[in-house]
Amino acid sequence: MHTFKILKAAGGQFRAQFLYNAEVMVWSENYASKVSARNCIDSIKTNAPGASTIDLTKDETGSGYRFEIVENKGGQHFVRFRAANGEPLVQSEAYAAKASAKTCIESIKKNAPGAPVVDETVTA
């Protein structure tokens, strides 16, 4: 099952994650407010399905909401999702195969819109 989580981060900040079962697929930067973490999730739910995919390893360029496939110094690939203003919203772990990065993107596009949001900052 795909799920978004809002978590507490260091310094009283918050972050967002998108998971498949218990595996974290992508995570956000830390935000000063929980509202900002929720806005990140809402933006992914709304904009990821129609976002383009830009392969930076092929020197492709793009604008607007977009997924980027990036190669790190070790030759592995990770995914970054950028907002229309160019700010990164989330990124993935590094994958040995570029195909795994592409699978991550397709899963987010397909499953993010309907994924529930679990707020783990709320105590019972």
N, C-alpha and C. Protein backbone atom coordinates (compact mmCIF):
# COMPACT_ATOMS: atom_id res chain seq x y z
N MET A 1 0.83 -1.18 0.00
CA MET A 1 0.00 0.00 0.00
C MET A 1 0.88 1.25 0.00
N HIS A 2 0.53 2.21 -0.81
CA HIS A 2 1.25 3.48 -0.88
C HIS A 2 0.66 4.45 0.14
N THR A 3 1.55 5.15 0.83
CA THR A 3 1.13 6.05 1.90
C THR A 3 2.07 7.24 1.97
N PHE A 4 1.53 8.40 2.27
CA PHE A 4 2.35 9.55 2.64
C PHE A 4 2.41 9.61 4.15
N LYS A 5 3.54 10.06 4.67
CA LYS A 5 3.67 10.28 6.11
C LYS A 5 4.22 11.67 6.36
N ILE A 6 3.71 12.28 7.42
CA ILE A 6 4.30 13.52 7.93
C ILE A 6 4.99 13.14 9.23
N LEU A 7 6.27 13.47 9.33
CA LEU A 7 7.08 13.09 10.47
C LEU A 7 7.72 14.29 11.12
N LYS A 8 8.05 14.16 12.40
CA LYS A 8 8.84 15.18 13.07
C LYS A 8 10.29 15.03 12.64
N ALA A 9 10.97 16.16 12.50
CA ALA A 9 12.38 16.17 12.15
C ALA A 9 13.12 16.95 13.24
N ALA A 10 14.42 17.00 13.13
CA ALA A 10 15.24 17.69 14.12
C ALA A 10 14.86 19.16 14.23
N GLY A 11 15.05 19.71 15.39
CA GLY A 11 14.85 21.13 15.58
C GLY A 11 13.40 21.58 15.51
N GLY A 12 12.46 20.67 15.81
CA GLY A 12 11.05 21.04 15.78
C GLY A 12 10.49 21.19 14.37
N GLN A 13 11.21 20.66 13.39
CA GLN A 13 10.75 20.77 12.00
C GLN A 13 9.97 19.52 11.60
N PHE A 14 9.50 19.51 10.35
CA PHE A 14 8.68 18.43 9.83
C PHE A 14 9.18 18.02 8.44
N ARG A 15 8.90 16.78 8.07
CA ARG A 15 9.23 16.32 6.73
C ARG A 15 8.15 15.37 6.23
N ALA A 16 8.15 15.17 4.93
CA ALA A 16 7.17 14.29 4.29
C ALA A 16 7.89 13.11 3.64
N GLN A 17 7.23 11.97 3.63
CA GLN A 17 7.73 10.78 2.95
C GLN A 17 6.60 10.16 2.15
N PHE A 18 6.98 9.46 1.08
CA PHE A 18 6.04 8.63 0.32
C PHE A 18 6.59 7.22 0.38
N LEU A 19 5.75 6.29 0.85
CA LEU A 19 6.20 4.93 1.07
C LEU A 19 5.36 3.93 0.29
N TYR A 20 5.99 2.81 -0.04
CA TYR A 20 5.29 1.63 -0.54
C TYR A 20 5.51 0.54 0.50
N ASN A 21 4.42 0.09 1.12
CA ASN A 21 4.49 -0.77 2.30
C ASN A 21 5.36 -0.05 3.33
N ALA A 22 6.45 -0.60 3.77
CA ALA A 22 7.28 0.08 4.78
C ALA A 22 8.50 0.74 4.14
N GLU A 23 8.65 0.66 2.83
CA GLU A 23 9.83 1.18 2.16
C GLU A 23 9.63 2.63 1.73
N VAL A 24 10.54 3.50 2.17
CA VAL A 24 10.48 4.91 1.80
C VAL A 24 10.95 5.05 0.35
N MET A 25 10.08 5.59 -0.49
CA MET A 25 10.43 5.80 -1.90
C MET A 25 11.07 7.17 -2.10
N VAL A 26 10.45 8.21 -1.53
CA VAL A 26 10.99 9.58 -1.63
C VAL A 26 10.73 10.31 -0.32
N TRP A 27 11.54 11.33 -0.06
CA TRP A 27 11.39 12.15 1.15
C TRP A 27 11.67 13.60 0.82
N SER A 28 11.13 14.46 1.66
CA SER A 28 11.28 15.91 1.45
C SER A 28 12.43 16.45 2.29
N GLU A 29 12.71 17.71 2.05
CA GLU A 29 13.58 18.44 2.96
C GLU A 29 12.81 18.66 4.25
N ASN A 30 13.48 19.23 5.25
CA ASN A 30 12.78 19.58 6.49
C ASN A 30 12.10 20.93 6.31
N TYR A 31 10.89 21.03 6.87
CA TYR A 31 10.11 22.26 6.81
C TYR A 31 9.90 22.79 8.22
N ALA A 32 9.82 24.11 8.34
CA ALA A 32 9.61 24.75 9.63
C ALA A 32 8.22 24.47 10.18
N SER A 33 7.24 24.24 9.31
CA SER A 33 5.87 24.01 9.78
C SER A 33 5.30 22.72 9.18
N LYS A 34 4.35 22.15 9.92
CA LYS A 34 3.65 20.97 9.43
C LYS A 34 2.82 21.31 8.20
N VAL A 35 2.30 22.53 8.15
CA VAL A 35 1.51 22.97 7.00
C VAL A 35 2.36 22.90 5.72
N SER A 36 3.61 23.28 5.81
CA SER A 36 4.49 23.23 4.63
C SER A 36 4.73 21.79 4.19
N ALA A 37 4.89 20.88 5.13
CA ALA A 37 5.04 19.46 4.78
C ALA A 37 3.77 18.95 4.10
N ARG A 38 2.62 19.36 4.62
CA ARG A 38 1.34 18.95 4.02
C ARG A 38 1.19 19.56 2.62
N ASN A 39 1.61 20.80 2.44
CA ASN A 39 1.55 21.43 1.12
C ASN A 39 2.43 20.68 0.12
N CYS A 40 3.58 20.19 0.58
CA CYS A 40 4.45 19.38 -0.28
C CYS A 40 3.69 18.14 -0.76
N ILE A 41 3.05 17.45 0.16
CA ILE A 41 2.29 16.25 -0.20
C ILE A 41 1.15 16.59 -1.16
N ASP A 42 0.41 17.64 -0.86
CA ASP A 42 -0.70 18.03 -1.73
C ASP A 42 -0.21 18.37 -3.14
N SER A 43 0.94 19.01 -3.23
CA SER A 43 1.49 19.36 -4.53
C SER A 43 1.87 18.10 -5.32
N ILE A 44 2.44 17.12 -4.65
CA ILE A 44 2.79 15.86 -5.32
C ILE A 44 1.52 15.16 -5.79
N LYS A 45 0.52 15.06 -4.92
CA LYS A 45 -0.73 14.39 -5.28
C LYS A 45 -1.37 15.03 -6.52
N THR A 46 -1.32 16.36 -6.58
CA THR A 46 -1.96 17.09 -7.67
C THR A 46 -1.13 17.11 -8.94
N ASN A 47 0.17 17.30 -8.82
CA ASN A 47 1.01 17.60 -9.99
C ASN A 47 1.86 16.46 -10.52
N ALA A 48 2.12 15.45 -9.71
CA ALA A 48 2.98 14.36 -10.17
C ALA A 48 2.40 13.58 -11.35
N PRO A 49 1.09 13.27 -11.36
CA PRO A 49 0.58 12.44 -12.45
C PRO A 49 0.84 13.01 -13.85
N GLY A 50 0.79 14.31 -14.01
CA GLY A 50 0.99 14.91 -15.33
C GLY A 50 2.37 15.48 -15.56
N ALA A 51 3.27 15.29 -14.60
CA ALA A 51 4.61 15.87 -14.71
C ALA A 51 5.45 15.15 -15.74
N SER A 52 6.30 15.90 -16.39
CA SER A 52 7.22 15.31 -17.36
C SER A 52 8.39 14.67 -16.62
N THR A 53 9.11 13.82 -17.33
CA THR A 53 10.32 13.20 -16.81
C THR A 53 11.50 13.68 -17.63
N ILE A 54 12.47 14.26 -16.95
CA ILE A 54 13.66 14.80 -17.58
C ILE A 54 14.85 13.93 -17.18
N ASP A 55 15.57 13.41 -18.14
CA ASP A 55 16.75 12.59 -17.86
C ASP A 55 17.98 13.49 -17.94
N LEU A 56 18.48 13.91 -16.78
CA LEU A 56 19.63 14.80 -16.75
C LEU A 56 20.91 14.11 -17.20
N THR A 57 20.92 12.77 -17.22
CA THR A 57 22.09 12.05 -17.71
C THR A 57 22.21 12.16 -19.23
N LYS A 58 21.12 12.59 -19.86
CA LYS A 58 21.11 12.80 -21.32
C LYS A 58 21.07 14.29 -21.66
N ASP A 59 21.38 15.13 -20.66
CA ASP A 59 21.38 16.58 -20.82
C ASP A 59 20.03 17.14 -21.25
N GLU A 60 18.94 16.45 -20.89
CA GLU A 60 17.61 16.97 -21.17
C GLU A 60 17.32 18.12 -20.21
N THR A 61 16.48 19.02 -20.64
CA THR A 61 16.08 20.15 -19.80
C THR A 61 14.56 20.21 -19.75
N GLY A 62 14.05 20.92 -18.78
CA GLY A 62 12.61 21.05 -18.66
C GLY A 62 12.24 22.14 -17.69
N SER A 63 10.97 22.43 -17.64
CA SER A 63 10.46 23.42 -16.71
C SER A 63 9.11 22.94 -16.21
N GLY A 64 8.53 23.68 -15.29
CA GLY A 64 7.27 23.26 -14.69
C GLY A 64 7.50 22.11 -13.73
N TYR A 65 6.42 21.55 -13.25
CA TYR A 65 6.55 20.38 -12.38
C TYR A 65 7.19 19.27 -13.20
N ARG A 66 8.20 18.63 -12.59
CA ARG A 66 8.92 17.62 -13.36
C ARG A 66 9.68 16.66 -12.45
N PHE A 67 9.81 15.45 -12.94
CA PHE A 67 10.70 14.47 -12.34
C PHE A 67 12.04 14.58 -13.05
N GLU A 68 13.10 14.46 -12.29
CA GLU A 68 14.44 14.46 -12.88
C GLU A 68 15.13 13.16 -12.49
N ILE A 69 15.77 12.54 -13.48
CA ILE A 69 16.62 11.39 -13.21
C ILE A 69 18.05 11.93 -13.17
N VAL A 70 18.71 11.73 -12.03
CA VAL A 70 20.02 12.30 -11.79
C VAL A 70 21.01 11.16 -11.54
N GLU A 71 22.22 11.30 -12.04
CA GLU A 71 23.27 10.33 -11.77
C GLU A 71 24.23 10.92 -10.74
N ASN A 72 24.49 10.16 -9.68
CA ASN A 72 25.42 10.65 -8.66
C ASN A 72 26.87 10.31 -9.05
N LYS A 73 27.81 10.73 -8.24
CA LYS A 73 29.22 10.52 -8.55
C LYS A 73 29.61 9.05 -8.58
N GLY A 74 28.84 8.20 -7.92
CA GLY A 74 29.11 6.77 -7.90
C GLY A 74 28.49 6.03 -9.07
N GLY A 75 27.82 6.75 -9.98
CA GLY A 75 27.21 6.12 -11.14
C GLY A 75 25.82 5.56 -10.88
N GLN A 76 25.28 5.82 -9.70
CA GLN A 76 23.92 5.38 -9.41
C GLN A 76 22.95 6.51 -9.77
N HIS A 77 21.67 6.15 -9.83
CA HIS A 77 20.64 7.11 -10.26
C HIS A 77 19.63 7.35 -9.15
N PHE A 78 19.18 8.59 -9.02
CA PHE A 78 18.11 8.91 -8.09
C PHE A 78 17.11 9.82 -8.77
N VAL A 79 15.95 9.94 -8.14
CA VAL A 79 14.84 10.72 -8.68
C VAL A 79 14.67 11.96 -7.81
N ARG A 80 14.43 13.07 -8.48
CA ARG A 80 14.09 14.31 -7.78
C ARG A 80 12.82 14.84 -8.44
N PHE A 81 11.86 15.30 -7.63
CA PHE A 81 10.64 15.91 -8.15
C PHE A 81 10.71 17.39 -7.83
N ARG A 82 10.61 18.22 -8.85
CA ARG A 82 10.71 19.67 -8.70
C ARG A 82 9.36 20.34 -8.92
N ALA A 83 9.14 21.41 -8.16
CA ALA A 83 7.95 22.24 -8.33
C ALA A 83 8.12 23.14 -9.55
N ALA A 84 7.06 23.79 -9.94
CA ALA A 84 7.10 24.67 -11.11
C ALA A 84 8.11 25.80 -10.95
N ASN A 85 8.37 26.21 -9.71
CA ASN A 85 9.35 27.29 -9.48
C ASN A 85 10.79 26.78 -9.41
N GLY A 86 10.98 25.49 -9.65
CA GLY A 86 12.31 24.90 -9.68
C GLY A 86 12.79 24.33 -8.35
N GLU A 87 12.02 24.57 -7.29
CA GLU A 87 12.42 24.06 -5.98
C GLU A 87 12.20 22.55 -5.90
N PRO A 88 13.18 21.81 -5.35
CA PRO A 88 12.97 20.36 -5.18
C PRO A 88 11.98 20.09 -4.06
N LEU A 89 11.03 19.19 -4.32
CA LEU A 89 10.06 18.80 -3.31
C LEU A 89 10.49 17.52 -2.59
N VAL A 90 10.88 16.51 -3.35
CA VAL A 90 11.31 15.23 -2.78
C VAL A 90 12.41 14.63 -3.64
N GLN A 91 13.14 13.69 -3.02
CA GLN A 91 14.10 12.90 -3.80
C GLN A 91 14.12 11.47 -3.27
N SER A 92 14.66 10.59 -4.08
CA SER A 92 14.68 9.16 -3.74
C SER A 92 16.08 8.74 -3.29
N GLU A 93 16.15 7.49 -2.90
CA GLU A 93 17.44 6.86 -2.65
C GLU A 93 18.14 6.67 -3.99
N ALA A 94 19.40 6.28 -3.95
CA ALA A 94 20.14 5.99 -5.18
C ALA A 94 19.89 4.55 -5.60
N TYR A 95 19.68 4.36 -6.89
CA TYR A 95 19.46 3.04 -7.47
C TYR A 95 20.63 2.68 -8.38
N ALA A 96 21.02 1.41 -8.38
CA ALA A 96 22.09 0.96 -9.25
C ALA A 96 21.68 1.05 -10.72
N ALA A 97 20.41 0.78 -11.00
CA ALA A 97 19.93 0.78 -12.38
C ALA A 97 19.01 1.97 -12.63
N LYS A 98 19.19 2.61 -13.76
CA LYS A 98 18.32 3.72 -14.14
C LYS A 98 16.87 3.26 -14.27
N ALA A 99 16.67 2.02 -14.68
CA ALA A 99 15.31 1.48 -14.81
C ALA A 99 14.57 1.51 -13.47
N SER A 100 15.28 1.32 -12.37
CA SER A 100 14.65 1.38 -11.05
C SER A 100 14.19 2.79 -10.73
N ALA A 101 14.96 3.78 -11.14
CA ALA A 101 14.56 5.18 -10.95
C ALA A 101 13.29 5.47 -11.76
N LYS A 102 13.22 4.96 -12.96
CA LYS A 102 12.03 5.15 -13.80
C LYS A 102 10.81 4.47 -13.19
N THR A 103 11.00 3.30 -12.60
CA THR A 103 9.91 2.59 -11.95
C THR A 103 9.40 3.39 -10.75
N CYS A 104 10.30 4.01 -10.01
CA CYS A 104 9.93 4.87 -8.89
C CYS A 104 9.03 6.00 -9.37
N ILE A 105 9.41 6.65 -10.45
CA ILE A 105 8.63 7.76 -11.01
C ILE A 105 7.24 7.29 -11.40
N GLU A 106 7.16 6.19 -12.10
CA GLU A 106 5.85 5.69 -12.56
C GLU A 106 4.96 5.32 -11.37
N SER A 107 5.55 4.78 -10.33
CA SER A 107 4.78 4.43 -9.15
C SER A 107 4.22 5.68 -8.47
N ILE A 108 5.02 6.73 -8.37
CA ILE A 108 4.55 7.98 -7.77
C ILE A 108 3.42 8.57 -8.61
N LYS A 109 3.62 8.63 -9.92
CA LYS A 109 2.60 9.18 -10.80
C LYS A 109 1.27 8.45 -10.65
N LYS A 110 1.33 7.13 -10.57
CA LYS A 110 0.13 6.31 -10.52
C LYS A 110 -0.52 6.30 -9.13
N ASN A 111 0.29 6.23 -8.09
CA ASN A 111 -0.25 5.94 -6.76
C ASN A 111 -0.35 7.12 -5.80
N ALA A 112 0.36 8.20 -6.07
CA ALA A 112 0.34 9.33 -5.14
C ALA A 112 -1.04 9.99 -5.00
N PRO A 113 -1.77 10.19 -6.10
CA PRO A 113 -3.04 10.92 -5.96
C PRO A 113 -4.00 10.32 -4.96
N GLY A 114 -4.08 9.01 -4.88
CA GLY A 114 -5.04 8.37 -3.99
C GLY A 114 -4.46 7.88 -2.67
N ALA A 115 -3.19 8.14 -2.45
CA ALA A 115 -2.55 7.63 -1.24
C ALA A 115 -3.00 8.39 0.01
N PRO A 116 -3.29 7.66 1.07
CA PRO A 116 -3.66 8.33 2.32
C PRO A 116 -2.46 9.04 2.94
N VAL A 117 -2.75 10.00 3.81
CA VAL A 117 -1.71 10.75 4.52
C VAL A 117 -1.82 10.37 5.99
N VAL A 118 -0.72 9.89 6.54
CA VAL A 118 -0.66 9.54 7.96
C VAL A 118 0.20 10.60 8.64
N ASP A 119 -0.38 11.27 9.62
CA ASP A 119 0.35 12.29 10.37
C ASP A 119 0.91 11.63 11.62
N GLU A 120 2.20 11.31 11.60
CA GLU A 120 2.83 10.65 12.73
C GLU A 120 3.29 11.63 13.80
N THR A 121 2.97 12.90 13.63
CA THR A 121 3.33 13.90 14.65
C THR A 121 2.24 14.03 15.69
N VAL A 122 1.10 13.43 15.43
CA VAL A 122 -0.03 13.51 16.36
C VAL A 122 0.09 12.38 17.37
N THR A 123 0.06 12.71 18.63
CA THR A 123 0.14 11.68 19.67
C THR A 123 -1.25 11.25 20.07
N ALA A 124 -1.35 9.99 20.40
CA ALA A 124 -2.66 9.43 20.77
C ALA A 124 -3.02 9.82 22.18
